[in-house]
Protein backbone atom coordinates (compact mmCIF):
# COMPACT_ATOMS: atom_id res chain seq x y z
CA UNK A 1 56.64 -22.15 61.03
CA UNK A 2 56.09 -19.57 58.31
CA UNK A 3 57.44 -20.27 54.87
CA UNK A 4 60.69 -18.52 54.02
CA UNK A 5 61.88 -17.32 50.66
CA UNK A 6 64.81 -19.24 49.20
CA UNK A 7 65.67 -16.68 46.55
CA UNK A 8 68.92 -14.76 46.71
CA UNK A 9 68.80 -11.04 47.38
CA UNK A 10 69.09 -8.62 44.46
CA UNK A 11 72.59 -7.10 44.25
CA UNK A 12 73.26 -3.88 46.16
CA UNK A 13 73.39 -1.85 42.97
CA UNK A 14 69.72 -2.53 42.23
CA UNK A 15 68.06 -1.97 45.60
CA UNK A 16 68.73 0.61 48.25
CA UNK A 17 70.91 -0.93 50.96
CA UNK A 18 68.53 0.15 53.70
CA UNK A 19 65.48 -1.43 52.04
CA UNK A 20 67.37 -4.69 51.70
CA UNK A 21 68.33 -4.98 55.37
CA UNK A 22 66.32 -7.51 57.34
CA UNK A 23 63.78 -7.93 54.53
CA UNK A 24 61.97 -10.89 56.07
CA UNK A 25 59.27 -9.77 58.50
CA UNK A 26 57.62 -12.85 59.95
CA UNK A 27 57.74 -13.93 63.58
CA UNK A 28 57.04 -17.00 65.65
CA UNK A 29 57.49 -18.36 69.17
CA UNK A 30 60.71 -17.21 70.78
CA UNK A 31 62.11 -15.62 67.63
CA UNK A 32 61.48 -12.13 66.23
CA UNK A 33 62.13 -11.35 62.57
CA UNK A 34 61.60 -7.82 61.34
CA UNK A 35 61.80 -6.02 58.07
CA UNK A 36 62.51 -2.37 58.82
CA UNK A 37 65.72 -0.89 57.51
CA UNK A 38 69.12 -0.28 59.01
CA UNK A 39 68.32 3.08 60.49
CA UNK A 40 71.93 3.91 61.37
CA UNK A 41 72.37 4.86 57.70
CA UNK A 42 70.52 7.60 55.87
CA UNK A 43 68.39 6.77 52.87
CA UNK A 44 69.07 10.04 51.09
CA UNK A 45 72.21 10.57 49.05
CA UNK A 46 74.91 12.95 50.18
CA UNK A 47 74.95 16.37 48.63
CA UNK A 48 78.14 17.63 47.05
CA UNK A 49 77.91 21.25 48.17
CA UNK A 50 81.04 23.34 48.31
CA UNK A 51 81.56 23.29 52.07
CA UNK A 52 82.69 19.63 51.99
CA UNK A 53 85.52 20.31 49.56
CA UNK A 54 86.48 18.16 46.59
CA UNK A 55 86.17 14.87 48.51
CA UNK A 56 88.83 13.03 46.49
CA UNK A 57 89.19 10.51 49.32
CA UNK A 58 85.61 9.36 48.80
CA UNK A 59 86.32 8.45 45.16
CA UNK A 60 89.46 6.55 46.18
CA UNK A 61 87.60 4.58 48.83
CA UNK A 62 84.72 3.75 46.48
CA UNK A 63 87.19 2.37 43.95
CA UNK A 64 88.29 -0.30 46.43
CA UNK A 65 84.88 -1.62 47.36
CA UNK A 66 83.70 -5.15 46.86
CA UNK A 67 81.53 -5.92 43.87
CA UNK A 68 78.46 -8.16 43.80
CA UNK A 69 78.69 -11.20 41.57
CA UNK A 70 82.42 -11.83 41.93
CA UNK A 71 83.38 -15.11 43.54
CA UNK A 72 86.22 -16.27 45.78
CA UNK A 73 85.69 -19.96 44.89
CA UNK A 74 88.38 -21.23 42.54
CA UNK A 75 88.37 -24.14 40.14
CA UNK A 76 92.15 -24.33 40.35
CA UNK A 77 93.76 -23.64 43.72
CA UNK A 78 97.03 -22.68 41.99
CA UNK A 79 95.28 -19.50 40.82
CA UNK A 80 94.84 -18.20 44.35
CA UNK A 81 96.57 -14.90 43.48
CA UNK A 82 93.76 -14.15 41.01
CA UNK A 83 91.04 -14.47 43.61
CA UNK A 84 88.74 -11.46 43.75
CA UNK A 85 86.69 -9.95 46.56
CA UNK A 86 82.95 -10.41 46.64
CA UNK A 87 80.06 -9.21 48.75
CA UNK A 88 79.40 -11.55 51.66
CA UNK A 89 75.80 -12.65 52.26
CA UNK A 90 75.18 -12.50 55.99
CA UNK A 91 72.48 -13.37 58.51
CA UNK A 92 72.34 -11.45 61.79
CA UNK A 93 71.48 -13.02 65.14
CA UNK A 94 70.86 -11.60 68.59
CA UNK A 95 69.60 -12.60 72.03
CA UNK A 96 67.48 -10.30 74.18
CA UNK A 97 65.86 -10.63 77.57
CA UNK A 98 62.17 -10.07 78.20
CA UNK A 99 61.09 -6.43 77.95
CA UNK A 100 63.99 -5.16 75.82
CA UNK A 101 62.78 -6.04 72.31
CA UNK A 102 62.89 -2.42 71.11
CA UNK A 103 66.51 -1.99 72.17
CA UNK A 104 67.43 -5.34 70.64
CA UNK A 105 65.86 -4.38 67.30
CA UNK A 106 67.67 -1.02 67.25
CA UNK A 107 70.94 -2.75 68.07
CA UNK A 108 70.41 -5.31 65.30
CA UNK A 109 69.58 -2.57 62.78
CA UNK A 110 72.81 -0.85 63.74
CA UNK A 111 74.66 -4.15 63.28
CA UNK A 112 73.10 -4.35 59.82
CA UNK A 113 74.49 -0.90 59.02
CA UNK A 114 77.91 -1.99 60.29
CA UNK A 115 77.78 -5.06 58.05
CA UNK A 116 76.77 -2.92 55.05
CA UNK A 117 79.67 -0.56 55.73
CA UNK A 118 82.09 -3.48 55.99
CA UNK A 119 80.99 -4.70 52.55
CA UNK A 120 78.26 -7.29 53.07
CA UNK A 121 74.67 -7.93 51.97
CA UNK A 122 72.35 -8.52 54.93
CA UNK A 123 69.78 -11.16 54.01
CA UNK A 124 67.92 -11.68 57.26
CA UNK A 125 67.92 -11.03 60.99
CA UNK A 126 66.94 -13.36 63.79
CA UNK A 127 66.33 -12.48 67.43
CA UNK A 128 65.74 -14.95 70.26
CA UNK A 129 64.24 -14.12 73.63
CA UNK A 130 65.92 -15.87 76.53
CA UNK A 131 67.20 -14.70 79.94
CA UNK A 132 70.84 -15.36 79.07
CA UNK A 133 72.73 -16.45 75.94
CA UNK A 134 73.47 -20.14 75.76
CA UNK A 135 77.02 -20.68 77.09
CA UNK A 136 77.69 -23.22 74.35
CA UNK A 137 76.16 -21.94 71.08
CA UNK A 138 74.90 -18.44 72.05
CA UNK A 139 71.45 -19.30 70.67
CA UNK A 140 69.54 -22.20 72.18
CA UNK A 141 70.11 -25.64 70.69
CA UNK A 142 66.81 -25.68 68.78
CA UNK A 143 67.22 -22.11 67.52
CA UNK A 144 70.75 -22.84 66.39
CA UNK A 145 69.38 -25.68 64.25
CA UNK A 146 66.73 -23.33 62.90
CA UNK A 147 69.47 -20.79 62.10
CA UNK A 148 71.27 -23.50 60.14
CA UNK A 149 68.10 -23.97 58.06
CA UNK A 150 67.81 -20.22 57.42
CA UNK A 151 71.46 -20.02 56.34
CA UNK A 152 71.02 -22.94 53.94
CA UNK A 153 67.75 -21.60 52.52
CA UNK A 154 69.09 -18.10 51.86
CA UNK A 155 72.52 -19.17 50.67
CA UNK A 156 74.29 -17.12 53.34
CA UNK A 157 77.99 -17.62 53.94
CA UNK A 158 78.45 -15.69 57.20
CA UNK A 159 76.57 -15.33 60.50
CA UNK A 160 77.16 -12.21 62.61
CA UNK A 161 76.24 -12.18 66.31
CA UNK A 162 75.19 -8.91 67.94
CA UNK A 163 77.64 -9.26 70.81
CA UNK A 164 81.20 -10.36 71.47
CA UNK A 165 81.24 -14.15 71.32
CA UNK A 166 83.51 -16.32 73.42
CA UNK A 167 85.91 -18.41 71.31
CA UNK A 168 84.13 -21.61 72.37
CA UNK A 169 80.70 -20.20 71.41
CA UNK A 170 81.98 -19.21 68.00
CA UNK A 171 83.44 -22.66 67.28
CA UNK A 172 80.36 -24.51 68.56
CA UNK A 173 77.97 -22.36 66.50
CA UNK A 174 80.10 -22.84 63.39
CA UNK A 175 79.85 -26.60 63.88
CA UNK A 176 76.04 -26.27 63.77
CA UNK A 177 75.49 -23.77 60.92
CA UNK A 178 78.50 -24.92 58.82
CA UNK A 179 79.44 -21.38 57.76
CA UNK A 180 81.72 -18.71 59.15
CA UNK A 181 80.54 -17.10 62.42
CA UNK A 182 81.87 -13.72 63.56
CA UNK A 183 80.72 -11.20 66.16
CA UNK A 184 80.04 -7.48 66.36
CA UNK A 185 83.57 -6.70 67.50
CA UNK A 186 85.08 -8.41 64.45
CA UNK A 187 82.89 -6.33 62.13
CA UNK A 188 83.87 -3.05 63.78
CA UNK A 189 87.55 -4.00 63.67
CA UNK A 190 87.19 -4.85 59.97
CA UNK A 191 85.68 -1.42 59.24
CA UNK A 192 88.46 0.29 61.16
CA UNK A 193 91.12 -1.64 59.24
CA UNK A 194 89.53 -0.56 55.93
CA UNK A 195 89.25 3.12 56.84
CA UNK A 196 92.51 3.78 58.73
CA UNK A 197 94.80 6.02 56.67
CA UNK A 198 97.50 7.56 58.86
CA UNK A 199 100.46 5.62 60.26
CA UNK A 200 99.18 6.10 63.78
CA UNK A 201 95.64 5.05 62.85
CA UNK A 202 96.86 1.88 61.15
CA UNK A 203 99.05 1.01 64.14
CA UNK A 204 96.16 1.55 66.55
CA UNK A 205 93.82 -0.65 64.51
CA UNK A 206 96.40 -3.43 64.15
CA UNK A 207 97.02 -3.40 67.91
CA UNK A 208 93.28 -3.72 68.59
CA UNK A 209 92.99 -6.56 66.06
CA UNK A 210 95.85 -8.50 67.63
CA UNK A 211 94.39 -8.06 71.13
CA UNK A 212 91.12 -9.45 69.80
CA UNK A 213 92.81 -12.30 67.90
CA UNK A 214 95.12 -13.52 70.67
CA UNK A 215 92.57 -15.53 72.71
CA UNK A 216 90.90 -16.78 69.52
CA UNK A 217 93.84 -18.52 67.87
CA UNK A 218 93.10 -22.00 66.63
CA UNK A 219 95.58 -24.88 66.65
CA UNK A 220 96.02 -27.35 63.82
CA UNK A 221 96.87 -30.48 65.82
CA UNK A 222 100.15 -32.21 66.52
CA UNK A 223 101.10 -32.20 62.85
CA UNK A 224 102.05 -28.56 63.31
CA UNK A 225 104.27 -29.29 66.32
CA UNK A 226 107.99 -28.83 66.23
CA UNK A 227 109.86 -32.01 67.15
CA UNK A 228 112.70 -32.06 69.64
CA UNK A 229 115.24 -33.32 67.07
CA UNK A 230 117.49 -36.38 67.01
CA UNK A 231 117.33 -39.51 64.88
CA UNK A 232 113.79 -39.96 63.64
CA UNK A 233 112.69 -42.92 61.57
CA UNK A 234 110.22 -42.94 58.73
CA UNK A 235 107.34 -43.61 61.11
CA UNK A 236 108.22 -40.68 63.35
CA UNK A 237 109.78 -42.85 66.09
CA UNK A 238 113.27 -42.62 67.50
CA UNK A 239 115.34 -40.64 69.94
CA UNK A 240 114.26 -37.03 70.49
CA UNK A 241 110.70 -37.63 69.30
CA UNK A 242 109.02 -38.71 72.50
CA UNK A 243 106.53 -35.83 72.33
CA UNK A 244 105.86 -32.59 70.53
CA UNK A 245 107.99 -29.61 71.21
CA UNK A 246 106.74 -26.07 70.80
CA UNK A 247 103.46 -26.15 68.91
CA UNK A 248 102.57 -23.86 66.03
CA UNK A 249 99.93 -22.09 68.08
CA UNK A 250 102.52 -21.27 70.74
CA UNK A 251 104.78 -19.82 68.08
CA UNK A 252 101.88 -17.70 66.81
CA UNK A 253 101.12 -16.42 70.30
CA UNK A 254 104.74 -15.44 70.81
CA UNK A 255 104.87 -13.65 67.46
CA UNK A 256 101.65 -11.79 68.30
CA UNK A 257 103.00 -10.68 71.68
CA UNK A 258 106.20 -9.47 69.99
CA UNK A 259 104.23 -7.54 67.36
CA UNK A 260 101.93 -6.00 69.99
CA UNK A 261 104.94 -4.80 71.99
CA UNK A 262 106.39 -3.24 68.84
CA UNK A 263 103.09 -1.51 68.02
CA UNK A 264 102.72 -0.12 71.55
CA UNK A 265 106.25 1.29 71.33
CA UNK A 266 105.43 2.75 67.91
CA UNK A 267 102.22 4.41 69.18
CA UNK A 268 104.12 5.85 72.14
CA UNK A 269 106.62 7.24 69.63
CA UNK A 270 103.86 9.31 68.02
CA UNK A 271 103.04 10.95 71.37
CA UNK A 272 105.84 13.59 71.47
CA UNK A 273 104.72 15.08 68.15
CA UNK A 274 101.13 15.39 69.39
CA UNK A 275 102.26 16.85 72.70
CA UNK A 276 104.52 19.34 70.93
CA UNK A 277 101.62 20.61 68.84
CA UNK A 278 99.39 20.74 71.89
CA UNK A 279 102.06 22.53 73.94
CA UNK A 280 102.48 25.08 71.16
CA UNK A 281 98.74 25.82 71.26
CA UNK A 282 98.80 26.06 75.04
CA UNK A 283 101.86 28.31 74.97
CA UNK A 284 100.05 30.66 72.64
CA UNK A 285 96.93 30.34 74.82
CA UNK A 286 94.84 28.90 71.99
CA UNK A 287 91.76 27.16 73.45
CA UNK A 288 90.57 23.95 71.81
CA UNK A 289 87.12 22.59 70.96
CA UNK A 290 86.53 18.88 70.30
CA UNK A 291 83.68 17.59 68.15
CA UNK A 292 82.54 14.28 69.62
CA UNK A 293 79.53 12.13 68.87
CA UNK A 294 78.05 8.91 67.60
CA UNK A 295 79.33 7.51 64.33
CA UNK A 296 77.58 8.88 61.23
CA UNK A 297 76.09 11.75 63.25
CA UNK A 298 77.66 14.35 60.96
CA UNK A 299 80.79 15.44 62.87
CA UNK A 300 82.99 15.76 59.79
CA UNK A 301 80.22 17.55 57.90
CA UNK A 302 79.92 20.06 60.74
CA UNK A 303 83.70 20.61 60.76
CA UNK A 304 83.66 21.15 56.99
CA UNK A 305 80.76 23.60 57.29
CA UNK A 306 82.56 25.70 59.88
CA UNK A 307 86.18 25.56 58.68
CA UNK A 308 86.02 24.36 55.01
CA UNK A 309 88.38 21.56 56.11
CA UNK A 310 87.52 19.20 53.25
CA UNK A 311 87.46 16.15 55.55
CA UNK A 312 86.04 12.97 54.00
CA UNK A 313 82.24 12.82 54.32
CA UNK A 314 80.43 9.58 53.55
CA UNK A 315 77.12 7.92 54.44
CA UNK A 316 78.88 5.11 56.31
CA UNK A 317 79.79 4.21 59.87
CA UNK A 318 83.31 5.18 60.99
CA UNK A 319 84.05 6.90 57.66
CA UNK A 320 86.84 8.95 59.30
CA UNK A 321 89.09 7.68 62.09
CA UNK A 322 92.02 10.09 62.27
CA UNK A 323 91.66 13.25 64.33
CA UNK A 324 91.58 16.41 62.19
CA UNK A 325 92.42 19.77 63.80
CA UNK A 326 91.58 23.09 62.13
CA UNK A 327 91.68 26.66 63.41
CA UNK A 328 88.72 28.98 63.63
CA UNK A 329 88.01 32.46 64.98
CA UNK A 330 85.13 33.72 67.08
CA UNK A 331 83.12 36.76 66.08
CA UNK A 332 85.12 38.91 68.52
CA UNK A 333 88.46 37.77 67.09
CA UNK A 334 89.53 34.98 69.48
CA UNK A 335 91.46 32.14 67.87
CA UNK A 336 90.64 28.52 68.77
CA UNK A 337 91.13 25.05 67.32
CA UNK A 338 88.34 22.68 66.26
CA UNK A 339 89.12 18.94 66.33
CA UNK A 340 87.10 16.18 64.67
CA UNK A 341 87.43 12.90 66.62
CA UNK A 342 86.66 9.24 65.98
CA UNK A 343 82.97 8.32 66.28
CA UNK A 344 81.49 6.11 68.97
CA UNK A 345 79.02 3.24 68.81
CA UNK A 346 77.15 1.17 71.36
CA UNK A 347 79.20 -1.75 72.69
CA UNK A 348 82.37 -0.17 71.30
CA UNK A 349 85.08 -2.84 71.70
CA UNK A 350 87.28 -2.23 74.69
CA UNK A 351 90.34 -2.93 72.55
CA UNK A 352 89.50 0.06 70.35
CA UNK A 353 88.95 2.40 73.30
CA UNK A 354 92.40 1.47 74.60
CA UNK A 355 94.11 1.56 71.19
CA UNK A 356 92.54 4.92 70.24
CA UNK A 357 93.14 6.49 73.65
CA UNK A 358 95.82 8.71 72.10
CA UNK A 359 93.28 10.01 69.57
CA UNK A 360 90.67 10.48 72.28
CA UNK A 361 93.15 12.68 74.15
CA UNK A 362 91.91 15.49 71.90
CA UNK A 363 88.59 15.21 73.74
CA UNK A 364 90.13 15.00 77.21
CA UNK A 365 92.46 17.97 76.63
CA UNK A 366 89.87 20.24 75.04
CA UNK A 367 88.21 23.22 76.69
CA UNK A 368 84.74 22.68 75.17
CA UNK A 369 83.06 19.57 73.72
CA UNK A 370 80.58 19.92 70.87
CA UNK A 371 78.47 16.76 71.26
CA UNK A 372 76.88 16.01 67.87
CA UNK A 373 73.77 13.80 67.85
CA UNK A 374 71.92 12.51 64.80
CA UNK A 375 68.52 14.10 65.37
CA UNK A 376 66.91 11.86 62.73
CA UNK A 377 68.01 8.64 64.47
CA UNK A 378 65.19 6.56 66.00
CA UNK A 379 66.95 6.36 69.37
CA UNK A 380 68.91 9.57 70.04
CA UNK A 381 68.79 9.00 73.82
CA UNK A 382 70.99 5.90 73.50
CA UNK A 383 73.41 7.87 71.32
CA UNK A 384 73.70 10.53 74.01
CA UNK A 385 74.27 7.95 76.74
CA UNK A 386 76.83 5.95 74.74
CA UNK A 387 78.96 8.99 73.85
CA UNK A 388 78.85 10.35 77.38
CA UNK A 389 79.99 6.97 78.75
CA UNK A 390 83.05 6.99 76.48
CA UNK A 391 83.73 10.66 77.28
CA UNK A 392 83.66 9.69 80.94
CA UNK A 393 86.14 6.85 80.30
CA UNK A 394 88.74 9.29 78.94
CA UNK A 395 88.26 11.69 81.86
CA UNK A 396 86.36 14.48 80.10
CA UNK A 397 83.01 14.24 81.86
CA UNK A 398 83.34 17.62 83.62
CA UNK A 399 84.13 19.69 80.52
CA UNK A 400 81.55 22.19 79.16
CA UNK A 401 79.30 20.46 76.61
CA UNK A 402 77.26 21.82 73.72
CA UNK A 403 74.66 19.31 72.50
CA UNK A 404 73.91 19.75 68.79
CA UNK A 405 71.07 17.81 67.14
CA UNK A 406 72.43 17.59 63.61
CA UNK A 407 70.45 16.81 60.43
CA UNK A 408 67.64 19.10 61.54
CA UNK A 409 66.41 19.23 57.93
CA UNK A 410 65.29 15.60 58.43
CA UNK A 411 63.53 16.17 61.77
CA UNK A 412 59.76 16.68 61.91
CA UNK A 413 58.23 19.34 64.20
CA UNK A 414 56.86 16.64 66.53
CA UNK A 415 60.27 15.03 66.83
CA UNK A 416 61.76 18.43 67.65
CA UNK A 417 59.48 18.67 70.66
CA UNK A 418 60.59 15.24 71.85
CA UNK A 419 64.26 16.10 71.39
CA UNK A 420 63.78 19.43 73.14
CA UNK A 421 62.39 17.55 76.12
CA UNK A 422 65.39 15.23 76.03
CA UNK A 423 67.94 18.09 76.00
CA UNK A 424 66.31 21.49 76.70
CA UNK A 425 69.48 23.46 75.99
CA UNK A 426 70.40 21.69 72.75
CA UNK A 427 70.89 23.44 69.41
CA UNK A 428 69.19 22.19 66.23
CA UNK A 429 71.56 22.45 63.28
CA UNK A 430 72.09 21.10 59.81
CA UNK A 431 75.52 20.85 58.24
CA UNK A 432 73.81 20.49 54.86
CA UNK A 433 71.55 23.56 54.92
CA UNK A 434 73.50 25.70 57.40
CA UNK A 435 70.63 25.98 59.89
CA UNK A 436 71.82 26.61 63.44
CA UNK A 437 75.52 26.93 62.55
CA UNK A 438 75.63 30.52 63.80
CA UNK A 439 74.06 29.39 67.09
CA UNK A 440 76.72 26.69 67.46
CA UNK A 441 79.51 29.22 66.86
CA UNK A 442 77.94 31.66 69.33
CA UNK A 443 77.70 28.92 71.98
CA UNK A 444 81.36 27.99 71.41
CA UNK A 445 82.40 31.63 71.80
CA UNK A 446 80.36 31.91 74.99
CA UNK A 447 81.93 28.83 76.62
CA UNK A 448 85.53 29.32 75.52
CA UNK A 449 87.76 30.28 78.45
CA UNK A 450 88.96 33.87 78.34
CA UNK A 451 91.81 34.51 80.76
CA UNK A 452 92.98 37.67 79.00
CA UNK A 453 93.19 41.08 80.66
CA UNK A 454 92.31 44.42 79.13
CA UNK A 455 95.08 47.02 78.80
CA UNK A 456 95.34 50.52 77.38
CA UNK A 457 98.67 51.39 75.79
CA UNK A 458 100.37 54.32 74.12
CA UNK A 459 102.90 52.84 71.72
CA UNK A 460 105.49 55.16 70.07
CA UNK A 461 105.33 55.30 66.30
CA UNK A 462 108.80 53.77 66.00
CA UNK A 463 107.63 50.59 67.79
CA UNK A 464 105.42 49.13 65.11
CA UNK A 465 106.64 45.68 66.14
CA UNK A 466 104.59 45.96 69.35
CA UNK A 467 101.44 46.80 67.41
CA UNK A 468 102.06 43.76 65.23
CA UNK A 469 102.60 41.59 68.35
CA UNK A 470 99.30 42.82 69.79
CA UNK A 471 97.46 41.68 66.69
CA UNK A 472 99.21 38.30 66.75
CA UNK A 473 99.04 37.53 70.48
CA UNK A 474 95.99 39.44 71.59
CA UNK A 475 92.81 41.16 70.46
CA UNK A 476 92.92 44.81 69.50
CA UNK A 477 89.68 46.45 70.63
CA UNK A 478 90.30 50.02 69.42
CA UNK A 479 93.05 52.10 67.86
CA UNK A 480 93.56 55.89 67.94
CA UNK A 481 96.44 57.92 66.57
CA UNK A 482 97.57 60.64 68.99
CA UNK A 483 100.46 63.08 68.99
CA UNK A 484 102.60 60.98 71.32
CA UNK A 485 101.93 57.61 69.60
CA UNK A 486 99.28 55.01 68.85
CA UNK A 487 96.71 54.66 71.62
CA UNK A 488 95.50 51.05 71.72
CA UNK A 489 92.95 49.20 73.81
CA UNK A 490 93.52 45.46 73.68
CA UNK A 491 93.11 42.19 75.55
CA UNK A 492 96.27 40.15 76.11
CA UNK A 493 97.22 37.05 78.09
CA UNK A 494 98.74 37.71 81.53
CA UNK A 495 102.10 36.21 80.54
CA UNK A 496 102.56 38.98 77.93
CA UNK A 497 101.71 41.82 80.30
CA UNK A 498 105.36 42.44 81.21
CA UNK A 499 106.23 43.03 77.53
CA UNK A 500 103.80 45.97 77.28
CA UNK A 501 104.05 47.18 80.88
CA UNK A 502 106.26 50.17 80.04
CA UNK A 503 103.65 51.50 77.60
CA UNK A 504 100.58 50.96 79.76
CA UNK A 505 98.35 53.98 80.50
CA UNK A 506 95.38 52.60 82.37
CA UNK A 507 95.30 48.78 82.57
CA UNK A 508 91.93 47.38 83.52
CA UNK A 509 91.81 43.93 85.16
């Protein structure tokens, strides 16, 4: 076995987070260790150009981050309220079957980026090739012992598995490595809990966390049982004590079920407000466009570039969770809404898909989907497939789709040819430089539904209110001032035709 370094990693402030991920690059029988970076995150810093707004939220979030060098270990347990957060040192593990090493490495790099976003320092990554994960300890027995040696040598305090572990696997692996073991789902839920801001977003995240926690509750033995009552002696004997009553874990389960029911009712309570806004747009015949895509693909940056929305932009996974809706206008004057939605990721926990179904309704109820893909990502094909799977889950598979390869300023000419072969009709754009933005807007205008009809009206000069209504509810194509009134050519929705019917000259359907 190759010799491993026992030195701690340099703090995140000294070395680029991507260069630190999976820094050990040796390999041996059955296990693959690699040293390339977490390619789900960009290495370049974000620019602070005007189209992203002031970005005050980014400063607020950065102020709450963990700091390297602080410790949670206390000399005096009575000082628990003074405990401070620290960066966790983690080791990543994964199991892959024969022939899928490339996919396993990409998935582990993405897990490294998730861990970095959650506030951890990734020290090493370990992959094992086997047909199926071990039902007891996930890794094989020998590899689990080897993992324990790696954890001890590097001084890691957490192991993250690149899958969703069964509760029994998690406990058994913790018994071997003697440190905390969590899985990919727990990391994603932790990121969501950090980044949720709105009341609805916080409720959705808490519901997903409780659904994940419920089957993973741990009991603390009979000492936490509630006795049946009666006369009990000093040794615990006596009437009414012939067995434990309701255990602490049963109480916890009941409290969790009660809280989940309350959260579901609360989330349902948010629905009328969303439906009212949506009904108002539909009543005014305002079409909607949803921006969907993989996390960190640049959806919020694209929304800011088009609408100057000022949505938080950060080089992190799941930086924004709450749907943001802004209005925009096509070149020919048609009004539409543009909605930024929550990002997707491979193996997105089912609990989150269910909890965020209300947010994903913006995708299902839209007229056009702008599918943003990170063109600089090493595996854009998997991003496309993952997002389309989730879009299919919410019933939006048949909607018109515009594929946009974002971050085109980071794509080489050779990579452009590969991406063009992957999606021949895609648009190359860059929210940073502005390349391709006009093409995206033109494609949106081309695919937006237009159910309006063209009419020609002669409106008397004393009915200026009708001219104003045409500008508000339709599109005025031309205006001429004649002796008998204002001659107007316009496009209006069919439901408004009766309002202007008395002034029509030559309606054209």
